[in-house]
Every structure is written in structure tokens, then in C-alpha cells.
Amino acid sequence: MLIRNPLTLLSCIALAGCAASSRTGRQQVVVPTGVSEVYSEVDLQMKLASASPPTEEQSEDQCLLFDYQRQIRKLMERMVATAGRLYPDLEERGIKFRFEAAPSAQAGVLSNAGGAIVILQGTQNLRLPDSVLVFIVAREMGHVIGRHHDENSAATVMFSVLAQVLFPAAALVKGLSTILPSTVAGTAVTASAVSYIGASALRTTYREDHLREAEQIAFTLMTELGWDLYEVAAEASSVTVKGGDATWMEELRQSLTRLDQLAHGPRRRPFRVQPGTSG
């Protein structure tokens, strides 16, 4: 059956991918992780390609990279097992966490929907205590566990479909006709632009939700493993965030600030985290 109404088509896609977040109950529109892995891997590779190149020292001494990668893998070994126990849907979704260090002078942590976690080598220059490094990497795991890549990919897919169905539509091309040629190529460029802008705008609306959910998952994993979050917060207070992408650095500052507020807030409440239940 051919669906001619684009809004109906969009609704069908949304309903097919709608799922309640198993972490907070927040409603999500997602695509299957296998589909999302393709989209998020492209995004990951683009971010790696645009990251600052490695320093001369990093390029000359590859042992620095391998040692850092080995350190991270050892730190996160028990974390992966704990994540699998607390969030059994990971196996159903085919998530396999693996940790790689990428040569770059820039600090940052990236991931894709399938569980690949990439730590940029410049993060080593932050001189992070092990506890804080674990928190930062666990927070990135939280984006995978929380299906945030699947949600971002769904936004991309939906706006791509919507743009393709609606074009050429006067309501969308109005205002662009003066700068784009009246050709198939011009229409394709316009459709791509609308798709990209629309998907980016939608992702921005729940970026803060993603960050807070990822933090909560990281807190849960760490407390389950016996990390004292008061001590982690104390060690984090000496960290200077620098050398990374502006968005990543700002989000890291926010996460460390919230960690400090939870552990040492004005009311000094006992800090407890309970694993979420499947929704």
C-alpha cells in the first residue's frame, strides 16, 4: 500500500520506532541499533577526521597510545560486565562495548550506537585521576545504554524521509529559490539542507536530556562497582577541563559540577543511585 500523505508516513515511522526509555521513562523515537550504528559510525568518523592531529611526540612514540589504551581497557573491564548485568537489553540489541584510543592532540570521548568508545589521546594530557577517567568513559557508555544514538539517527531518518516526500513543496523552498537554481540539483541541495537543519534542531532539543541520562547511568554503574562518589567528586574538583571540542568541554564541566553538587550540595543528602527498570 502506497502512503501518499507525508505526515501519515512520518507518523508510521515514528510509531514503528517508538520506545519508552528504560532509564527515565522519557518517550523516545528510535531506529533499530543496527541501523543507528551505520549513521552514528559515519558521524564518529567525521568527528575523528576533524579532530586535531597528534602532536609530534604522539606520532613518534606509539607506545604512549597503546599504554593509554591498555589503561582504559583495564579500568573498564568490570564496568562492561556490570553494564551487561544491570541492563540486559544490551545483549538483545547486540551491543558490544570496546575501547580504543585514537591519536589526536585533542581531548574528548566519542562513541557509536554499537558500543565503540573512542578516547582521543589528548584526554591523557588532562591528567585525570582513574576515578574521573572512569566516570567520563562510563558517561559515554551511558549514551549507548540510553539509546541516544538510536534517537539521533531516528531524527536524521525521519527528516530525510520527510524532505524527500515533500519536495518540491513551495512551503519548504520559499525563501531559498532566490539563491538556489531551479534544477533537480538545486532541489536536492534544498532537501538536504532542510533535512540536516531539521534533524540538528530536533537533536538539540533533547541534548540536555541525553547528558543527564548518561550521567545518571554512569553514577549507577560506578556505585554498583563500589566507587565512592564523594571521593570521586573530591578528585574531580582538581581537574582542569581544556584542549577539547568546545561542546564536549562545556558538557564535561556541567557533568563534573553536577557530580559535585550531588555529593557535596548545600543539603549534603546521602547520595544514592538506583538502577532503572525496563520500560
Protein backbone atom coordinates (compact mmCIF):
# COMPACT_ATOMS: atom_id res chain seq x y z
CA MET A 1 0.00 0.00 0.00
CA LEU A 2 1.36 3.41 -1.00
CA ILE A 3 1.11 6.09 1.67
CA ARG A 4 0.63 9.42 -0.10
CA ASN A 5 0.24 11.70 2.93
CA PRO A 6 3.75 12.61 4.15
CA LEU A 7 2.52 13.28 7.70
CA THR A 8 0.94 9.84 7.77
CA LEU A 9 4.18 8.34 6.54
CA LEU A 10 6.15 10.19 9.17
CA SER A 11 3.72 9.06 11.86
CA CYS A 12 4.10 5.45 10.77
CA ILE A 13 7.86 5.69 11.06
CA ALA A 14 7.61 7.29 14.48
CA LEU A 15 5.17 4.68 15.79
CA ALA A 16 7.29 1.86 14.43
CA GLY A 17 10.31 3.12 16.34
CA CYS A 18 8.68 4.49 19.48
CA ALA A 19 10.04 3.09 22.73
CA ALA A 20 9.90 4.19 26.36
CA SER A 21 13.32 4.89 27.78
CA SER A 22 14.30 2.10 30.15
CA ARG A 23 16.24 4.62 32.23
CA THR A 24 13.92 7.55 32.97
CA GLY A 25 10.60 6.76 31.30
CA ARG A 26 11.14 9.55 28.79
CA GLN A 27 9.47 8.68 25.50
CA GLN A 28 11.89 8.12 22.65
CA VAL A 29 11.57 7.72 18.90
CA VAL A 30 14.35 5.38 17.86
CA VAL A 31 15.52 3.25 14.97
CA PRO A 32 16.96 -0.25 15.46
CA THR A 33 20.51 -0.18 16.80
CA GLY A 34 21.80 -1.91 13.67
CA VAL A 35 20.51 0.96 11.55
CA SER A 36 21.73 3.55 14.01
CA GLU A 37 25.21 2.02 14.07
CA VAL A 38 25.64 2.92 10.40
CA TYR A 39 24.57 6.54 10.90
CA SER A 40 26.49 7.01 14.15
CA GLU A 41 29.65 5.40 12.74
CA VAL A 42 29.66 7.95 9.90
CA ASP A 43 29.27 10.71 12.47
CA LEU A 44 32.06 9.21 14.60
CA GLN A 45 34.46 9.01 11.66
CA MET A 46 33.69 12.60 10.66
CA LYS A 47 34.47 13.78 14.19
CA LEU A 48 37.72 11.79 14.22
CA ALA A 49 38.69 13.27 10.85
CA SER A 50 38.09 16.81 12.12
CA ALA A 51 39.90 16.32 15.45
CA SER A 52 43.29 17.94 15.96
CA PRO A 53 46.15 15.85 14.55
CA PRO A 54 48.50 14.14 17.01
CA THR A 55 51.46 16.05 18.35
CA GLU A 56 54.98 15.26 17.18
CA GLU A 57 55.63 13.36 20.40
CA GLN A 58 52.47 11.30 19.98
CA SER A 59 53.36 10.49 16.38
CA GLU A 60 56.89 9.42 17.22
CA ASP A 61 56.07 7.30 20.28
CA GLN A 62 53.19 4.94 19.51
CA CYS A 63 53.75 3.23 22.85
CA LEU A 64 52.09 6.23 24.50
CA LEU A 65 48.89 5.47 22.61
CA PHE A 66 48.95 1.73 23.31
CA ASP A 67 49.72 2.24 27.00
CA TYR A 68 46.82 4.66 27.35
CA GLN A 69 44.50 2.30 25.52
CA ARG A 70 45.61 -0.59 27.75
CA GLN A 71 44.99 1.51 30.87
CA ILE A 72 41.45 2.38 29.78
CA ARG A 73 40.56 -1.18 28.82
CA LYS A 74 41.75 -2.47 32.19
CA LEU A 75 39.81 0.22 34.08
CA MET A 76 36.61 -0.50 32.16
CA GLU A 77 36.72 -4.31 32.17
CA ARG A 78 34.49 -4.73 35.24
CA MET A 79 32.33 -1.82 34.13
CA VAL A 80 31.31 -3.68 30.96
CA ALA A 81 30.33 -6.78 32.93
CA THR A 82 28.31 -4.64 35.34
CA ALA A 83 26.54 -2.85 32.49
CA GLY A 84 25.56 -6.19 30.98
CA ARG A 85 24.10 -7.32 34.31
CA LEU A 86 22.18 -4.10 35.08
CA TYR A 87 20.95 -3.52 31.52
CA PRO A 88 20.16 -6.93 29.97
CA ASP A 89 18.65 -5.30 26.87
CA LEU A 90 22.21 -4.58 25.71
CA GLU A 91 22.61 -8.19 24.63
CA GLU A 92 19.28 -8.13 22.83
CA ARG A 93 20.40 -5.04 20.92
CA GLY A 94 23.74 -6.63 20.05
CA ILE A 95 25.82 -4.04 21.94
CA LYS A 96 29.46 -4.99 22.42
CA PHE A 97 31.48 -2.37 24.25
CA ARG A 98 35.06 -1.94 23.10
CA PHE A 99 37.52 0.82 23.92
CA GLU A 100 40.03 2.39 21.57
CA ALA A 101 42.41 5.32 21.96
CA ALA A 102 42.74 7.48 18.84
CA PRO A 103 45.85 9.56 18.07
CA SER A 104 44.93 13.23 18.48
CA ALA A 105 46.19 16.24 20.40
CA GLN A 106 42.55 16.94 21.24
CA ALA A 107 40.75 15.75 24.36
CA GLY A 108 37.38 14.05 24.10
CA VAL A 109 35.42 10.80 24.15
CA LEU A 110 33.26 9.62 21.24
CA SER A 111 31.05 6.61 20.57
CA ASN A 112 28.72 4.92 18.13
CA ALA A 113 25.47 3.04 18.65
CA GLY A 114 27.13 -0.40 18.60
CA GLY A 115 29.28 0.26 21.66
CA ALA A 116 32.56 1.51 20.19
CA ILE A 117 34.02 4.03 22.66
CA VAL A 118 36.89 6.13 21.30
CA ILE A 119 39.02 8.20 23.67
CA LEU A 120 41.08 10.89 21.96
CA GLN A 121 44.68 10.74 23.12
CA GLY A 122 44.72 14.39 24.14
CA THR A 123 42.50 13.36 27.07
CA GLN A 124 45.65 11.91 28.62
CA ASN A 125 47.00 15.45 28.97
CA LEU A 126 44.19 16.28 31.39
CA ARG A 127 45.99 14.08 33.96
CA LEU A 128 42.69 12.67 35.14
CA PRO A 129 42.57 10.52 38.28
CA ASP A 130 41.43 6.99 37.45
CA SER A 131 38.07 7.61 39.12
CA VAL A 132 37.34 10.65 36.95
CA LEU A 133 38.53 8.90 33.79
CA VAL A 134 36.20 6.00 34.59
CA PHE A 135 33.31 8.45 35.09
CA ILE A 136 33.94 10.20 31.78
CA VAL A 137 34.14 6.93 29.82
CA ALA A 138 31.14 5.49 31.70
CA ARG A 139 29.19 8.60 30.81
CA GLU A 140 29.87 7.87 27.13
CA MET A 141 28.71 4.29 27.71
CA GLY A 142 25.56 5.88 29.13
CA HIS A 143 24.79 7.44 25.75
CA VAL A 144 24.89 3.95 24.20
CA ILE A 145 22.90 2.33 27.01
CA GLY A 146 20.32 5.13 26.89
CA ARG A 147 19.84 4.65 23.12
CA HIS A 148 20.76 8.26 22.43
CA HIS A 149 22.48 7.38 19.14
CA ASP A 150 19.35 5.46 18.09
CA GLU A 151 17.28 8.55 18.87
CA ASN A 152 19.61 10.88 16.96
CA SER A 153 19.60 8.54 13.98
CA ALA A 154 15.79 8.40 14.05
CA ALA A 155 15.70 12.20 13.76
CA THR A 156 18.01 12.04 10.75
CA VAL A 157 15.97 9.31 9.06
CA MET A 158 12.62 11.00 9.69
CA PHE A 159 13.67 14.38 8.37
CA SER A 160 15.33 12.76 5.35
CA VAL A 161 12.12 10.91 4.53
CA LEU A 162 10.01 13.99 5.15
CA ALA A 163 12.19 16.15 2.90
CA GLN A 164 12.12 13.56 0.10
CA VAL A 165 8.33 13.19 0.29
CA LEU A 166 7.56 16.89 0.39
CA PHE A 167 9.94 18.17 -2.31
CA PRO A 168 9.37 20.11 -4.40
CA ALA A 169 6.99 21.88 -1.99
CA ALA A 170 6.53 25.62 -2.06
CA ALA A 171 6.32 25.87 1.71
CA LEU A 172 9.83 24.48 2.08
CA VAL A 173 11.59 26.10 -0.85
CA LYS A 174 10.14 29.54 -0.24
CA GLY A 175 12.98 31.88 0.57
CA LEU A 176 15.60 29.58 -0.93
CA SER A 177 14.51 29.93 -4.56
CA THR A 178 16.49 33.14 -4.98
CA ILE A 179 19.80 31.51 -4.10
CA LEU A 180 19.37 28.00 -5.49
CA PRO A 181 18.97 27.11 -9.17
CA SER A 182 15.63 25.81 -10.40
CA THR A 183 17.05 22.40 -11.18
CA VAL A 184 16.92 18.91 -9.78
CA ALA A 185 20.33 19.54 -8.22
CA GLY A 186 19.03 22.70 -6.57
CA THR A 187 16.02 20.87 -5.18
CA ALA A 188 18.25 18.08 -3.88
CA VAL A 189 20.51 20.59 -2.15
CA THR A 190 17.50 22.30 -0.61
CA ALA A 191 16.05 18.99 0.57
CA SER A 192 19.37 18.00 2.11
CA ALA A 193 19.69 21.36 3.83
CA VAL A 194 16.18 21.17 5.28
CA SER A 195 16.79 17.58 6.39
CA TYR A 196 20.09 18.44 8.08
CA ILE A 197 18.79 21.60 9.75
CA GLY A 198 15.60 19.92 10.93
CA ALA A 199 17.38 16.87 12.35
CA SER A 200 20.01 19.04 14.05
CA ALA A 201 17.35 21.23 15.62
CA LEU A 202 15.48 18.19 16.94
CA ARG A 203 18.66 16.64 18.37
CA THR A 204 19.45 19.92 20.11
CA THR A 205 16.09 19.91 21.90
CA TYR A 206 16.92 16.74 23.82
CA ARG A 207 20.70 17.12 24.11
CA GLU A 208 20.40 18.16 27.75
CA ASP A 209 18.18 15.13 28.47
CA HIS A 210 20.81 12.89 26.89
CA LEU A 211 23.58 14.36 29.01
CA ARG A 212 21.68 13.98 32.28
CA GLU A 213 20.61 10.42 31.46
CA ALA A 214 24.17 9.47 30.54
CA GLU A 215 25.42 10.95 33.83
CA GLN A 216 22.80 9.03 35.81
CA ILE A 217 23.81 5.77 34.12
CA ALA A 218 27.48 6.49 34.85
CA PHE A 219 26.66 7.19 38.52
CA THR A 220 24.69 3.95 38.71
CA LEU A 221 27.50 1.87 37.18
CA MET A 222 30.14 3.41 39.43
CA THR A 223 28.20 3.00 42.68
CA GLU A 224 27.37 -0.58 41.73
CA LEU A 225 31.11 -1.23 41.40
CA GLY A 226 31.81 0.30 44.78
CA TRP A 227 33.21 3.68 43.78
CA ASP A 228 32.69 6.29 46.49
CA LEU A 229 31.15 9.21 44.61
CA TYR A 230 32.10 11.64 47.38
CA GLU A 231 35.74 10.72 46.77
CA VAL A 232 35.29 10.88 43.00
CA ALA A 233 33.82 14.37 43.34
CA ALA A 234 36.73 15.43 45.54
CA GLU A 235 39.24 14.18 42.98
CA ALA A 236 37.27 15.80 40.15
CA SER A 237 37.48 19.20 41.85
CA SER A 238 41.15 19.46 40.88
CA VAL A 239 40.54 18.71 37.18
CA THR A 240 41.06 21.48 34.64
CA VAL A 241 38.99 20.86 31.50
CA LYS A 242 40.91 22.00 28.44
CA GLY A 243 42.07 21.04 24.98
CA GLY A 244 38.84 19.56 23.63
CA ASP A 245 35.93 20.46 21.39
CA ALA A 246 34.03 23.40 22.91
CA THR A 247 30.77 21.46 23.27
CA TRP A 248 32.48 18.44 24.82
CA MET A 249 34.39 20.62 27.30
CA GLU A 250 31.25 22.51 28.34
CA GLU A 251 29.29 19.29 28.83
CA LEU A 252 32.13 17.81 30.86
CA ARG A 253 32.20 20.89 33.08
CA GLN A 254 28.45 20.54 33.58
CA SER A 255 28.78 16.86 34.46
CA LEU A 256 31.57 17.47 36.98
CA THR A 257 29.61 20.35 38.50
CA ARG A 258 26.53 18.15 38.92
CA LEU A 259 28.66 15.40 40.43
CA ASP A 260 29.99 17.90 42.97
CA GLN A 261 26.50 19.23 43.72
CA LEU A 262 25.14 15.74 44.28
CA ALA A 263 27.99 14.71 46.54
CA HIS A 264 28.55 17.99 48.39
CA GLY A 265 25.41 20.04 47.84
CA PRO A 266 24.13 22.51 50.42
CA ARG A 267 21.81 19.93 51.99
CA ARG A 268 24.51 17.22 51.90
CA ARG A 269 21.97 14.47 51.32
CA PRO A 270 23.21 10.88 51.18
CA PHE A 271 23.91 10.07 47.55
CA ARG A 272 22.02 7.04 46.31
CA VAL A 273 21.51 5.72 42.81
CA GLN A 274 19.07 3.00 41.86
CA PRO A 275 19.33 1.18 38.51
CA GLY A 276 16.41 1.96 36.19
CA THR A 277 13.80 -0.62 35.35
CA SER A 278 13.00 -1.69 31.84
CA GLY A 279 10.20 0.33 30.30
